[in-house]
Amino acid sequence: HGIAHGGFIFTLADSTFAFASNSYNERAVAAQGN
């Protein structure tokens, strides 16, 4: 459609979530995301 694929937007959001959720020096992974 000539627009950013939603999967790449999700990936950016997911990566940002990962850096925030791992900021306390406790390894954390995504259990769910929407």
PDB file of all heavy atoms in Angstrom:
ATOM      1  N   HIS A   1       0.825  -1.212   0.000  1.00  0.00           N
ATOM      2  CA  HIS A   1       0.000   0.000   0.000  1.00  0.00           C
ATOM      3  C   HIS A   1       0.858   1.261   0.000  1.00  0.00           C
ATOM      4  O   HIS A   1       0.325   2.376   0.063  1.00  0.00           O
ATOM      5  CB  HIS A   1      -0.931   0.022   1.222  1.00  0.00           C
ATOM      6  CG  HIS A   1      -1.926  -1.088   1.234  1.00  0.00           C
ATOM      7  ND1 HIS A   1      -2.951  -1.191   0.311  1.00  0.00           N
ATOM      8  CD2 HIS A   1      -2.048  -2.157   2.056  1.00  0.00           C
ATOM      9  CE1 HIS A   1      -3.665  -2.266   0.566  1.00  0.00           C
ATOM     10  NE2 HIS A   1      -3.126  -2.884   1.616  1.00  0.00           N
ATOM     11  N   GLY A   2       2.169   1.082  -0.012  1.00  0.00           N
ATOM     12  CA  GLY A   2       3.068   2.228  -0.015  1.00  0.00           C
ATOM     13  C   GLY A   2       3.226   2.885   1.348  1.00  0.00           C
ATOM     14  O   GLY A   2       3.665   4.024   1.431  1.00  0.00           O
ATOM     15  N   ILE A   3       2.877   2.151   2.410  1.00  0.00           N
ATOM     16  CA  ILE A   3       3.026   2.675   3.774  1.00  0.00           C
ATOM     17  C   ILE A   3       3.902   1.719   4.582  1.00  0.00           C
ATOM     18  O   ILE A   3       4.153   0.587   4.157  1.00  0.00           O
ATOM     19  CB  ILE A   3       1.659   2.878   4.467  1.00  0.00           C
ATOM     20  CG1 ILE A   3       0.864   1.570   4.516  1.00  0.00           C
ATOM     21  CG2 ILE A   3       0.864   3.978   3.760  1.00  0.00           C
ATOM     22  CD1 ILE A   3      -0.455   1.651   5.272  1.00  0.00           C
ATOM     23  N   ALA A   4       4.335   2.181   5.740  1.00  0.00           N
ATOM     24  CA  ALA A   4       5.187   1.342   6.588  1.00  0.00           C
ATOM     25  C   ALA A   4       4.430   0.076   6.974  1.00  0.00           C
ATOM     26  O   ALA A   4       3.288   0.135   7.428  1.00  0.00           O
ATOM     27  CB  ALA A   4       5.604   2.110   7.837  1.00  0.00           C
ATOM     28  N   HIS A   5       5.058  -1.061   6.774  1.00  0.00           N
ATOM     29  CA  HIS A   5       4.477  -2.348   7.173  1.00  0.00           C
ATOM     30  C   HIS A   5       4.311  -2.345   8.685  1.00  0.00           C
ATOM     31  O   HIS A   5       5.230  -1.987   9.429  1.00  0.00           O
ATOM     32  CB  HIS A   5       5.402  -3.479   6.737  1.00  0.00           C
ATOM     33  CG  HIS A   5       4.824  -4.835   6.880  1.00  0.00           C
ATOM     34  ND1 HIS A   5       4.586  -5.412   8.105  1.00  0.00           N
ATOM     35  CD2 HIS A   5       4.404  -5.722   5.948  1.00  0.00           C
ATOM     36  CE1 HIS A   5       4.060  -6.600   7.923  1.00  0.00           C
ATOM     37  NE2 HIS A   5       3.939  -6.822   6.623  1.00  0.00           N
ATOM     38  N   GLY A   6       3.146  -2.755   9.155  1.00  0.00           N
ATOM     39  CA  GLY A   6       2.855  -2.757  10.580  1.00  0.00           C
ATOM     40  C   GLY A   6       3.820  -3.590  11.394  1.00  0.00           C
ATOM     41  O   GLY A   6       4.080  -3.292  12.560  1.00  0.00           O
ATOM     42  N   GLY A   7       4.368  -4.629  10.802  1.00  0.00           N
ATOM     43  CA  GLY A   7       5.310  -5.472  11.519  1.00  0.00           C
ATOM     44  C   GLY A   7       6.569  -4.727  11.929  1.00  0.00           C
ATOM     45  O   GLY A   7       7.141  -4.997  12.985  1.00  0.00           O
ATOM     46  N   PHE A   8       6.989  -3.768  11.111  1.00  0.00           N
ATOM     47  CA  PHE A   8       8.184  -2.987  11.464  1.00  0.00           C
ATOM     48  C   PHE A   8       7.869  -1.978  12.572  1.00  0.00           C
ATOM     49  O   PHE A   8       8.700  -1.731  13.450  1.00  0.00           O
ATOM     50  CB  PHE A   8       8.762  -2.289  10.235  1.00  0.00           C
ATOM     51  CG  PHE A   8       9.385  -3.247   9.264  1.00  0.00           C
ATOM     52  CD1 PHE A   8       8.734  -3.571   8.074  1.00  0.00           C
ATOM     53  CD2 PHE A   8      10.594  -3.860   9.539  1.00  0.00           C
ATOM     54  CE1 PHE A   8       9.295  -4.470   7.184  1.00  0.00           C
ATOM     55  CE2 PHE A   8      11.165  -4.766   8.653  1.00  0.00           C
ATOM     56  CZ  PHE A   8      10.510  -5.072   7.473  1.00  0.00           C
ATOM     57  N   ILE A   9       6.660  -1.417  12.528  1.00  0.00           N
ATOM     58  CA  ILE A   9       6.252  -0.506  13.603  1.00  0.00           C
ATOM     59  C   ILE A   9       6.157  -1.287  14.913  1.00  0.00           C
ATOM     60  O   ILE A   9       6.620  -0.831  15.961  1.00  0.00           O
ATOM     61  CB  ILE A   9       4.921   0.187  13.254  1.00  0.00           C
ATOM     62  CG1 ILE A   9       5.094   1.063  11.998  1.00  0.00           C
ATOM     63  CG2 ILE A   9       4.420   1.032  14.430  1.00  0.00           C
ATOM     64  CD1 ILE A   9       3.797   1.600  11.422  1.00  0.00           C
ATOM     65  N   PHE A  10       5.567  -2.485  14.839  1.00  0.00           N
ATOM     66  CA  PHE A  10       5.476  -3.346  16.024  1.00  0.00           C
ATOM     67  C   PHE A  10       6.872  -3.673  16.547  1.00  0.00           C
ATOM     68  O   PHE A  10       7.114  -3.633  17.762  1.00  0.00           O
ATOM     69  CB  PHE A  10       4.725  -4.640  15.683  1.00  0.00           C
ATOM     70  CG  PHE A  10       4.494  -5.540  16.871  1.00  0.00           C
ATOM     71  CD1 PHE A  10       3.279  -5.516  17.544  1.00  0.00           C
ATOM     72  CD2 PHE A  10       5.484  -6.403  17.322  1.00  0.00           C
ATOM     73  CE1 PHE A  10       3.058  -6.337  18.653  1.00  0.00           C
ATOM     74  CE2 PHE A  10       5.273  -7.225  18.421  1.00  0.00           C
ATOM     75  CZ  PHE A  10       4.060  -7.193  19.093  1.00  0.00           C
ATOM     76  N   THR A  11       7.800  -3.983  15.651  1.00  0.00           N
ATOM     77  CA  THR A  11       9.155  -4.346  16.063  1.00  0.00           C
ATOM     78  C   THR A  11       9.842  -3.192  16.785  1.00  0.00           C
ATOM     79  O   THR A  11      10.509  -3.394  17.804  1.00  0.00           O
ATOM     80  CB  THR A  11       9.985  -4.820  14.858  1.00  0.00           C
ATOM     81  OG1 THR A  11       9.322  -5.945  14.266  1.00  0.00           O
ATOM     82  CG2 THR A  11      11.389  -5.216  15.261  1.00  0.00           C
ATOM     83  N   LEU A  12       9.676  -1.972  16.284  1.00  0.00           N
ATOM     84  CA  LEU A  12      10.241  -0.810  16.978  1.00  0.00           C
ATOM     85  C   LEU A  12       9.630  -0.673  18.369  1.00  0.00           C
ATOM     86  O   LEU A  12      10.350  -0.479  19.362  1.00  0.00           O
ATOM     87  CB  LEU A  12      10.004   0.474  16.169  1.00  0.00           C
ATOM     88  CG  LEU A  12      10.411   1.771  16.881  1.00  0.00           C
ATOM     89  CD1 LEU A  12      11.905   1.815  17.164  1.00  0.00           C
ATOM     90  CD2 LEU A  12       9.965   2.977  16.058  1.00  0.00           C
ATOM     91  N   ALA A  13       8.311  -0.793  18.468  1.00  0.00           N
ATOM     92  CA  ALA A  13       7.646  -0.687  19.768  1.00  0.00           C
ATOM     93  C   ALA A  13       8.104  -1.804  20.702  1.00  0.00           C
ATOM     94  O   ALA A  13       8.377  -1.576  21.887  1.00  0.00           O
ATOM     95  CB  ALA A  13       6.127  -0.719  19.582  1.00  0.00           C
ATOM     96  N   ASP A  14       8.220  -3.011  20.172  1.00  0.00           N
ATOM     97  CA  ASP A  14       8.639  -4.162  20.974  1.00  0.00           C
ATOM     98  C   ASP A  14      10.075  -3.996  21.470  1.00  0.00           C
ATOM     99  O   ASP A  14      10.381  -4.307  22.626  1.00  0.00           O
ATOM    100  CB  ASP A  14       8.488  -5.438  20.146  1.00  0.00           C
ATOM    101  CG  ASP A  14       8.809  -6.691  20.933  1.00  0.00           C
ATOM    102  OD1 ASP A  14       8.264  -6.863  22.038  1.00  0.00           O
ATOM    103  OD2 ASP A  14       9.600  -7.508  20.424  1.00  0.00           O
ATOM    104  N   SER A  15      10.950  -3.507  20.626  1.00  0.00           N
ATOM    105  CA  SER A  15      12.338  -3.273  21.052  1.00  0.00           C
ATOM    106  C   SER A  15      12.396  -2.206  22.139  1.00  0.00           C
ATOM    107  O   SER A  15      13.143  -2.341  23.118  1.00  0.00           O
ATOM    108  CB  SER A  15      13.204  -2.858  19.859  1.00  0.00           C
ATOM    109  OG  SER A  15      13.417  -3.943  19.002  1.00  0.00           O
ATOM    110  N   THR A  16      11.609  -1.161  21.992  1.00  0.00           N
ATOM    111  CA  THR A  16      11.582  -0.094  22.989  1.00  0.00           C
ATOM    112  C   THR A  16      11.068  -0.634  24.323  1.00  0.00           C
ATOM    113  O   THR A  16      11.628  -0.351  25.393  1.00  0.00           O
ATOM    114  CB  THR A  16      10.723   1.078  22.491  1.00  0.00           C
ATOM    115  OG1 THR A  16      11.189   1.472  21.186  1.00  0.00           O
ATOM    116  CG2 THR A  16      10.807   2.266  23.425  1.00  0.00           C
ATOM    117  N   PHE A  17      10.017  -1.435  24.254  1.00  0.00           N
ATOM    118  CA  PHE A  17       9.471  -2.130  25.429  1.00  0.00           C
ATOM    119  C   PHE A  17      10.552  -2.992  26.084  1.00  0.00           C
ATOM    120  O   PHE A  17      10.696  -3.000  27.308  1.00  0.00           O
ATOM    121  CB  PHE A  17       8.262  -2.953  24.961  1.00  0.00           C
ATOM    122  CG  PHE A  17       7.839  -4.105  25.812  1.00  0.00           C
ATOM    123  CD1 PHE A  17       7.586  -3.971  27.171  1.00  0.00           C
ATOM    124  CD2 PHE A  17       7.622  -5.344  25.230  1.00  0.00           C
ATOM    125  CE1 PHE A  17       7.146  -5.057  27.930  1.00  0.00           C
ATOM    126  CE2 PHE A  17       7.185  -6.422  25.972  1.00  0.00           C
ATOM    127  CZ  PHE A  17       6.952  -6.277  27.326  1.00  0.00           C
ATOM    128  N   ALA A  18      11.344  -3.689  25.277  1.00  0.00           N
ATOM    129  CA  ALA A  18      12.396  -4.552  25.813  1.00  0.00           C
ATOM    130  C   ALA A  18      13.429  -3.751  26.597  1.00  0.00           C
ATOM    131  O   ALA A  18      13.844  -4.160  27.696  1.00  0.00           O
ATOM    132  CB  ALA A  18      13.079  -5.321  24.681  1.00  0.00           C
ATOM    133  N   PHE A  19      13.842  -2.608  26.072  1.00  0.00           N
ATOM    134  CA  PHE A  19      14.843  -1.808  26.782  1.00  0.00           C
ATOM    135  C   PHE A  19      14.272  -1.234  28.075  1.00  0.00           C
ATOM    136  O   PHE A  19      14.966  -1.175  29.089  1.00  0.00           O
ATOM    137  CB  PHE A  19      15.418  -0.721  25.875  1.00  0.00           C
ATOM    138  CG  PHE A  19      16.431  -1.258  24.905  1.00  0.00           C
ATOM    139  CD1 PHE A  19      16.060  -1.625  23.622  1.00  0.00           C
ATOM    140  CD2 PHE A  19      17.748  -1.441  25.290  1.00  0.00           C
ATOM    141  CE1 PHE A  19      16.985  -2.163  22.734  1.00  0.00           C
ATOM    142  CE2 PHE A  19      18.689  -1.969  24.414  1.00  0.00           C
ATOM    143  CZ  PHE A  19      18.301  -2.334  23.128  1.00  0.00           C
ATOM    144  N   ALA A  20      12.998  -0.853  28.074  1.00  0.00           N
ATOM    145  CA  ALA A  20      12.377  -0.344  29.303  1.00  0.00           C
ATOM    146  C   ALA A  20      12.211  -1.453  30.334  1.00  0.00           C
ATOM    147  O   ALA A  20      12.509  -1.258  31.521  1.00  0.00           O
ATOM    148  CB  ALA A  20      11.025   0.294  28.978  1.00  0.00           C
ATOM    149  N   SER A  21      11.759  -2.624  29.903  1.00  0.00           N
ATOM    150  CA  SER A  21      11.465  -3.693  30.864  1.00  0.00           C
ATOM    151  C   SER A  21      12.715  -4.394  31.393  1.00  0.00           C
ATOM    152  O   SER A  21      12.653  -5.066  32.416  1.00  0.00           O
ATOM    153  CB  SER A  21      10.502  -4.717  30.263  1.00  0.00           C
ATOM    154  OG  SER A  21      11.073  -5.394  29.170  1.00  0.00           O
ATOM    155  N   ASN A  22      13.846  -4.220  30.729  1.00  0.00           N
ATOM    156  CA  ASN A  22      15.104  -4.799  31.194  1.00  0.00           C
ATOM    157  C   ASN A  22      15.977  -3.770  31.923  1.00  0.00           C
ATOM    158  O   ASN A  22      17.132  -4.038  32.217  1.00  0.00           O
ATOM    159  CB  ASN A  22      15.881  -5.400  30.023  1.00  0.00           C
ATOM    160  CG  ASN A  22      15.374  -6.754  29.642  1.00  0.00           C
ATOM    161  OD1 ASN A  22      15.775  -7.758  30.212  1.00  0.00           O
ATOM    162  ND2 ASN A  22      14.448  -6.798  28.682  1.00  0.00           N
ATOM    163  N   SER A  23      15.427  -2.621  32.244  1.00  0.00           N
ATOM    164  CA  SER A  23      16.215  -1.519  32.796  1.00  0.00           C
ATOM    165  C   SER A  23      16.583  -1.680  34.264  1.00  0.00           C
ATOM    166  O   SER A  23      17.348  -0.876  34.793  1.00  0.00           O
ATOM    167  CB  SER A  23      15.455  -0.199  32.596  1.00  0.00           C
ATOM    168  OG  SER A  23      14.234  -0.210  33.312  1.00  0.00           O
ATOM    169  N   TYR A  24      16.070  -2.712  34.920  1.00  0.00           N
ATOM    170  CA  TYR A  24      16.349  -2.917  36.342  1.00  0.00           C
ATOM    171  C   TYR A  24      17.394  -4.006  36.591  1.00  0.00           C
ATOM    172  O   TYR A  24      17.557  -4.454  37.717  1.00  0.00           O
ATOM    173  CB  TYR A  24      15.063  -3.265  37.091  1.00  0.00           C
ATOM    174  CG  TYR A  24      14.039  -2.162  37.044  1.00  0.00           C
ATOM    175  CD1 TYR A  24      12.956  -2.241  36.177  1.00  0.00           C
ATOM    176  CD2 TYR A  24      14.162  -1.042  37.858  1.00  0.00           C
ATOM    177  CE1 TYR A  24      12.017  -1.225  36.126  1.00  0.00           C
ATOM    178  CE2 TYR A  24      13.223  -0.028  37.814  1.00  0.00           C
ATOM    179  CZ  TYR A  24      12.154  -0.128  36.939  1.00  0.00           C
ATOM    180  OH  TYR A  24      11.225   0.882  36.893  1.00  0.00           O
ATOM    181  N   ASN A  25      18.044  -4.456  35.524  1.00  0.00           N
ATOM    182  CA  ASN A  25      19.055  -5.506  35.617  1.00  0.00           C
ATOM    183  C   ASN A  25      18.460  -6.851  36.033  1.00  0.00           C
ATOM    184  O   ASN A  25      19.113  -7.652  36.692  1.00  0.00           O
ATOM    185  CB  ASN A  25      20.213  -5.121  36.550  1.00  0.00           C
ATOM    186  CG  ASN A  25      21.460  -5.942  36.257  1.00  0.00           C
ATOM    187  OD1 ASN A  25      21.658  -6.430  35.138  1.00  0.00           O
ATOM    188  ND2 ASN A  25      22.315  -6.096  37.247  1.00  0.00           N
ATOM    189  N   GLU A  26      17.228  -7.071  35.655  1.00  0.00           N
ATOM    190  CA  GLU A  26      16.583  -8.374  35.770  1.00  0.00           C
ATOM    191  C   GLU A  26      16.160  -8.752  34.354  1.00  0.00           C
ATOM    192  O   GLU A  26      15.408  -8.000  33.724  1.00  0.00           O
ATOM    193  CB  GLU A  26      15.331  -8.307  36.658  1.00  0.00           C
ATOM    194  CG  GLU A  26      15.615  -7.985  38.103  1.00  0.00           C
ATOM    195  CD  GLU A  26      14.331  -7.954  38.909  1.00  0.00           C
ATOM    196  OE1 GLU A  26      13.849  -9.035  39.288  1.00  0.00           O
ATOM    197  OE2 GLU A  26      13.817  -6.851  39.124  1.00  0.00           O
ATOM    198  N   ARG A  27      16.664  -9.880  33.861  1.00  0.00           N
ATOM    199  CA  ARG A  27      16.324 -10.271  32.494  1.00  0.00           C
ATOM    200  C   ARG A  27      14.820 -10.472  32.368  1.00  0.00           C
ATOM    201  O   ARG A  27      14.210 -11.199  33.145  1.00  0.00           O
ATOM    202  CB  ARG A  27      17.063 -11.534  32.092  1.00  0.00           C
ATOM    203  CG  ARG A  27      18.546 -11.296  31.878  1.00  0.00           C
ATOM    204  CD  ARG A  27      19.245 -12.548  31.342  1.00  0.00           C
ATOM    205  NE  ARG A  27      20.648 -12.298  31.180  1.00  0.00           N
ATOM    206  CZ  ARG A  27      21.208 -11.803  30.060  1.00  0.00           C
ATOM    207  NH1 ARG A  27      20.469 -11.532  29.021  1.00  0.00           N
ATOM    208  NH2 ARG A  27      22.513 -11.608  30.008  1.00  0.00           N
ATOM    209  N   ALA A  28      14.234  -9.789  31.372  1.00  0.00           N
ATOM    210  CA  ALA A  28      12.793  -9.854  31.155  1.00  0.00           C
ATOM    211  C   ALA A  28      12.518 -10.092  29.675  1.00  0.00           C
ATOM    212  O   ALA A  28      13.262  -9.627  28.805  1.00  0.00           O
ATOM    213  CB  ALA A  28      12.128  -8.553  31.599  1.00  0.00           C
ATOM    214  N   VAL A  29      11.471 -10.843  29.399  1.00  0.00           N
ATOM    215  CA  VAL A  29      11.031 -11.104  28.028  1.00  0.00           C
ATOM    216  C   VAL A  29       9.563 -10.725  27.910  1.00  0.00           C
ATOM    217  O   VAL A  29       8.855 -10.566  28.911  1.00  0.00           O
ATOM    218  CB  VAL A  29      11.232 -12.587  27.630  1.00  0.00           C
ATOM    219  CG1 VAL A  29      12.710 -12.947  27.618  1.00  0.00           C
ATOM    220  CG2 VAL A  29      10.456 -13.514  28.545  1.00  0.00           C
ATOM    221  N   ALA A  30       9.102 -10.607  26.685  1.00  0.00           N
ATOM    222  CA  ALA A  30       7.697 -10.299  26.443  1.00  0.00           C
ATOM    223  C   ALA A  30       6.848 -11.538  26.687  1.00  0.00           C
ATOM    224  O   ALA A  30       7.148 -12.619  26.185  1.00  0.00           O
ATOM    225  CB  ALA A  30       7.497  -9.814  25.015  1.00  0.00           C
ATOM    226  N   ALA A  31       5.799 -11.379  27.469  1.00  0.00           N
ATOM    227  CA  ALA A  31       4.819 -12.435  27.661  1.00  0.00           C
ATOM    228  C   ALA A  31       3.644 -12.212  26.719  1.00  0.00           C
ATOM    229  O   ALA A  31       2.986 -13.158  26.287  1.00  0.00           O
ATOM    230  CB  ALA A  31       4.330 -12.455  29.107  1.00  0.00           C
ATOM    231  N   GLN A  32       3.414 -10.952  26.378  1.00  0.00           N
ATOM    232  CA  GLN A  32       2.302 -10.596  25.502  1.00  0.00           C
ATOM    233  C   GLN A  32       2.504  -9.174  25.020  1.00  0.00           C
ATOM    234  O   GLN A  32       3.090  -8.352  25.719  1.00  0.00           O
ATOM    235  CB  GLN A  32       0.983 -10.720  26.287  1.00  0.00           C
ATOM    236  CG  GLN A  32      -0.286 -10.619  25.484  1.00  0.00           C
ATOM    237  CD  GLN A  32      -0.862  -9.216  25.445  1.00  0.00           C
ATOM    238  OE1 GLN A  32      -0.601  -8.393  26.306  1.00  0.00           O
ATOM    239  NE2 GLN A  32      -1.622  -8.934  24.421  1.00  0.00           N
ATOM    240  N   GLY A  33       2.056  -8.882  23.828  1.00  0.00           N
ATOM    241  CA  GLY A  33       2.105  -7.525  23.307  1.00  0.00           C
ATOM    242  C   GLY A  33       1.021  -7.321  22.274  1.00  0.00           C
ATOM    243  O   GLY A  33       0.706  -8.238  21.515  1.00  0.00           O
ATOM    244  N   ASN A  34       0.430  -6.129  22.273  1.00  0.00           N
ATOM    245  CA  ASN A  34      -0.526  -5.813  21.215  1.00  0.00           C
ATOM    246  C   ASN A  34      -0.350  -4.364  20.804  1.00  0.00           C
ATOM    247  O   ASN A  34       0.212  -3.559  21.531  1.00  0.00           O
ATOM    248  CB  ASN A  34      -1.973  -6.130  21.639  1.00  0.00           C
ATOM    249  CG  ASN A  34      -2.438  -5.301  22.802  1.00  0.00           C
ATOM    250  OD1 ASN A  34      -2.152  -4.120  22.890  1.00  0.00           O
ATOM    251  ND2 ASN A  34      -3.161  -5.918  23.715  1.00  0.00           N
TER     252      ASN A  34
END
